[in-house]
Each structure stands twice: as structure tokens, then as C-alpha cells.
Amino acid sequence: MAGNEDVEIVRAGFDAYLRQDRAASEALIAPDFVFTSPNDDHIDRDAFFDRCFPTADRLRSQDLLLVTAAGDGDVVVMYEYVLTTGERHRNVEVQTVRDGQITEAQVFFGGRYDAT
């Protein structure tokens, strides 16, 4: 079962992404990492760092609304972000942690979110 340590590893991964600290992110992401989203179908670690990691500059802010252990190394994360355009969105991810590293991220895109 995922525990507090796994939750903290996932939180640290989001933090490294926002700060664009590639070294910190590389330490957290396993060599056999797999990333899946509606835009990326089971891409490997290298493709993730090439395509996805350098995109934080499109964000004005990102807030983790829910980060909870879901069992068997899985951590569920719901977050809200505001783009530099002012648009606000929410997504959900399931990240899997094994032996202190993130081995998989599955991203489920939400739509625009009206905070009013």
C-alpha cells in the first residue's frame, strides 16, 4: 500500500517540475518510467523529459488539491492550474511509486474550471 513516503515523493515530483529542476526530477523518476496522457500514449522517460517536462513555463500557478495514497504504490493527485492566458483547468493523475521512485504517471485531463 502507498504510504506517506510515496505521497511525499509525488509531491516532490510536482515541485521539481514547477521549479524546472531537472536533476531533482531525474532522481525521483525511475529509469523504466512510463507516462500516459490523452496526448502521450505510454511514452518512456526520455520522451517525457523531452516533451512534457519543459512545459512549466505555460503555467501561472498550480495547486495540488488532493494527494492521497490509493494502495499498491499508487498515489492519486487532483490539481488545479492557471495558464499564462488566465484559463483555469483541473486534472487528475495516478502516479505509481516503487522503491522510492515514480515508475508510472497516468494523466486524466479535465476541462476548464470556473472558480466562481
Protein backbone atom coordinates (compact mmCIF):
# COMPACT_ATOMS: atom_id res chain seq x y z
CA MET A 1 0.00 0.00 0.00
CA ALA A 2 1.22 3.50 -0.79
CA GLY A 3 2.01 5.47 2.29
CA ASN A 4 3.14 8.89 3.38
CA GLU A 5 6.59 8.39 1.86
CA ASP A 6 5.06 7.72 -1.58
CA VAL A 7 2.83 10.78 -1.24
CA GLU A 8 5.86 12.92 -0.40
CA ILE A 9 7.79 11.56 -3.40
CA VAL A 10 4.90 12.52 -5.71
CA ARG A 11 4.66 15.97 -4.11
CA ALA A 12 8.41 16.41 -4.63
CA GLY A 13 7.98 15.44 -8.29
CA PHE A 14 5.39 18.15 -8.84
CA ASP A 15 7.62 20.65 -7.05
CA ALA A 16 10.65 19.74 -9.19
CA TYR A 17 8.55 20.14 -12.34
CA LEU A 18 7.29 23.59 -11.35
CA ARG A 19 10.81 24.73 -10.46
CA GLN A 20 12.12 23.07 -13.64
CA ASP A 21 14.76 21.33 -11.53
CA ARG A 22 15.63 18.54 -13.92
CA ALA A 23 18.26 16.98 -11.66
CA ALA A 24 15.77 16.66 -8.80
CA SER A 25 13.15 15.27 -11.16
CA GLU A 26 15.56 12.75 -12.67
CA ALA A 27 16.38 11.49 -9.17
CA LEU A 28 12.67 10.91 -8.49
CA ILE A 29 11.73 9.29 -11.79
CA ALA A 30 12.71 5.66 -12.34
CA PRO A 31 14.69 4.59 -15.42
CA ASP A 32 11.73 2.46 -16.61
CA PHE A 33 9.20 5.29 -16.10
CA VAL A 34 6.11 5.29 -18.34
CA PHE A 35 3.94 8.37 -18.91
CA THR A 36 0.43 8.27 -20.37
CA SER A 37 -1.97 11.12 -21.08
CA PRO A 38 -4.54 11.88 -23.77
CA ASN A 39 -1.63 13.41 -25.72
CA ASP A 40 1.06 10.81 -24.98
CA ASP A 41 0.49 7.07 -25.13
CA HIS A 42 2.90 5.18 -22.88
CA ILE A 43 5.97 7.26 -23.61
CA ASP A 44 9.25 6.45 -21.90
CA ARG A 45 11.35 8.54 -19.52
CA ASP A 46 13.45 10.17 -22.26
CA ALA A 47 10.38 11.21 -24.25
CA PHE A 48 8.78 12.57 -21.07
CA PHE A 49 11.80 14.75 -20.35
CA ASP A 50 11.94 15.91 -23.98
CA ARG A 51 8.22 16.63 -24.49
CA CYS A 52 6.48 17.12 -21.16
CA PHE A 53 8.94 18.28 -18.56
CA PRO A 54 9.86 21.63 -20.19
CA THR A 55 6.24 22.88 -20.25
CA ALA A 56 6.02 24.54 -16.82
CA ASP A 57 6.52 27.99 -18.34
CA ARG A 58 2.94 27.82 -19.67
CA LEU A 59 1.66 27.86 -16.08
CA ARG A 60 0.99 30.89 -13.94
CA SER A 61 0.26 28.66 -10.94
CA GLN A 62 -0.53 25.11 -9.93
CA ASP A 63 -2.14 23.93 -6.70
CA LEU A 64 -2.34 20.34 -5.53
CA LEU A 65 -5.90 19.95 -4.26
CA LEU A 66 -5.75 16.27 -3.32
CA VAL A 67 -2.76 13.97 -2.89
CA THR A 68 -3.68 10.64 -1.37
CA ALA A 69 -2.36 7.11 -1.19
CA ALA A 70 -4.60 4.72 -3.11
CA GLY A 71 -2.91 1.38 -2.46
CA ASP A 72 -0.23 -0.77 -4.11
CA GLY A 73 2.12 2.19 -4.55
CA ASP A 74 -0.46 4.34 -6.31
CA VAL A 75 -0.96 7.98 -5.38
CA VAL A 76 -3.95 9.93 -6.70
CA VAL A 77 -3.42 13.63 -7.34
CA MET A 78 -6.01 16.23 -8.31
CA TYR A 79 -4.60 19.61 -9.19
CA GLU A 80 -5.75 22.94 -10.48
CA TYR A 81 -3.59 25.12 -12.66
CA VAL A 82 -3.87 28.52 -14.25
CA LEU A 83 -2.27 29.04 -17.64
CA THR A 84 -0.47 32.23 -18.53
CA THR A 85 -3.55 33.00 -20.66
CA GLY A 86 -5.64 33.08 -17.47
CA GLU A 87 -7.54 29.86 -18.24
CA ARG A 88 -8.03 27.60 -15.21
CA HIS A 89 -8.11 23.78 -15.51
CA ARG A 90 -8.20 20.71 -13.29
CA ASN A 91 -6.59 17.32 -13.96
CA VAL A 92 -6.23 14.06 -12.09
CA GLU A 93 -3.19 11.78 -12.13
CA VAL A 94 -2.40 8.38 -10.75
CA GLN A 95 1.31 8.03 -10.10
CA THR A 96 2.91 4.77 -9.05
CA VAL A 97 5.89 4.73 -6.70
CA ARG A 98 8.20 1.73 -6.34
CA ASP A 99 11.40 1.64 -4.30
CA GLY A 100 11.34 5.39 -3.75
CA GLN A 101 10.92 6.41 -7.40
CA ILE A 102 7.98 7.24 -9.65
CA THR A 103 7.56 4.42 -12.18
CA GLU A 104 4.37 5.50 -13.90
CA ALA A 105 2.14 8.53 -14.35
CA GLN A 106 -1.33 8.30 -15.86
CA VAL A 107 -2.86 11.71 -16.54
CA PHE A 108 -6.60 12.25 -16.97
CA PHE A 109 -7.35 15.69 -18.41
CA GLY A 110 -10.20 17.71 -17.05
CA GLY A 111 -11.72 20.67 -18.78
CA ARG A 112 -11.72 24.32 -17.97
CA TYR A 113 -12.76 25.06 -14.42
CA ASP A 114 -14.69 28.17 -13.48
CA ALA A 115 -13.70 29.08 -9.92
CA THR A 116 -16.71 31.38 -9.42
